[in-house]
Amino acid sequence: MKVAIVDLGTNTCRLFLADVTNGRVAQAERLTTVVRLGQSVDKTGELHEDAVARTHACISGYAPRIEATAPRGAF
């Protein structure tokens, strides 16, 4: 089975693609992008517009890799 995992944090967005067979995980690809989603959130209590745009662009860039990994009909 192929899996795609996205980990979205306050500073980075990570993508992990793997093949899982018989309980074994074989990494296919791992990407880390600094998006700084938490930019100024401690001061304003809100997500900064630029931070949201960076995060959206990152995830949009990950999408083709995720779609290529996931089995048809998984979404």
Protein backbone atom coordinates (compact mmCIF):
# COMPACT_ATOMS: atom_id res chain seq x y z
CA MET A 1 0.00 0.00 0.00
CA LYS A 2 1.26 3.48 -0.79
CA VAL A 3 0.78 6.22 1.80
CA ALA A 4 1.21 9.98 1.88
CA ILE A 5 1.49 11.91 5.14
CA VAL A 6 1.49 15.70 5.50
CA ASP A 7 2.75 17.20 8.77
CA LEU A 8 1.86 20.88 9.06
CA GLY A 9 3.50 22.74 11.91
CA THR A 10 4.04 26.37 12.86
CA ASN A 11 7.34 26.56 11.00
CA THR A 12 7.51 23.71 8.49
CA CYS A 13 5.32 21.63 6.23
CA ARG A 14 6.56 18.10 5.63
CA LEU A 15 5.59 15.44 3.13
CA PHE A 16 6.39 11.77 3.63
CA LEU A 17 5.63 9.26 0.87
CA ALA A 18 6.12 5.57 1.49
CA ASP A 19 5.28 2.05 0.46
CA VAL A 20 3.97 -0.21 3.23
CA THR A 21 4.23 -3.95 2.60
CA ASN A 22 3.80 -6.67 5.21
CA GLY A 23 4.12 -4.11 7.99
CA ARG A 24 7.36 -2.69 6.62
CA VAL A 25 7.63 0.98 5.67
CA ALA A 26 9.91 1.89 2.77
CA GLN A 27 10.40 5.62 2.36
CA ALA A 28 9.84 6.77 -1.22
CA GLU A 29 10.23 10.52 -0.71
CA ARG A 30 10.55 13.03 2.12
CA LEU A 31 10.28 16.80 1.69
CA THR A 32 10.47 19.63 4.21
CA THR A 33 9.52 23.20 3.36
CA VAL A 34 9.80 26.17 5.70
CA VAL A 35 6.44 27.97 5.53
CA ARG A 36 6.51 29.92 8.83
CA LEU A 37 2.75 29.49 9.32
CA GLY A 38 3.10 30.80 12.87
CA GLN A 39 4.49 34.15 11.69
CA SER A 40 3.32 36.83 14.18
CA VAL A 41 0.59 34.59 15.59
CA ASP A 42 1.90 35.10 19.13
CA LYS A 43 1.42 38.88 18.77
CA THR A 44 -1.84 38.98 16.83
CA GLY A 45 -3.56 35.71 17.72
CA GLU A 46 -4.28 35.23 14.00
CA LEU A 47 -2.58 33.63 11.04
CA HIS A 48 -0.74 36.16 8.87
CA GLU A 49 -2.00 36.45 5.29
CA ASP A 50 1.50 35.90 3.85
CA ALA A 51 2.01 32.82 6.01
CA VAL A 52 -1.26 31.31 4.81
CA ALA A 53 -0.28 32.04 1.19
CA ARG A 54 3.13 30.35 1.64
CA THR A 55 1.50 27.32 3.23
CA HIS A 56 -1.13 27.07 0.50
CA ALA A 57 1.56 27.27 -2.19
CA CYS A 58 3.56 24.55 -0.45
CA ILE A 59 0.64 22.15 -0.14
CA SER A 60 -0.40 22.88 -3.72
CA GLY A 61 3.11 21.92 -4.74
CA TYR A 62 2.88 18.68 -2.77
CA ALA A 63 -0.52 17.77 -4.26
CA PRO A 64 0.73 16.21 -7.54
CA ARG A 65 3.14 13.97 -5.62
CA ILE A 66 0.36 12.91 -3.24
CA GLU A 67 -2.04 12.23 -6.10
CA ALA A 68 0.60 10.16 -7.90
CA THR A 69 1.17 8.11 -4.72
CA ALA A 70 -2.40 7.51 -3.58
CA PRO A 71 -4.44 4.69 -5.08
CA ARG A 72 -7.29 5.70 -7.36
CA GLY A 73 -10.45 6.61 -5.44
CA ALA A 74 -8.61 7.17 -2.16
CA PHE A 75 -9.84 10.76 -1.94
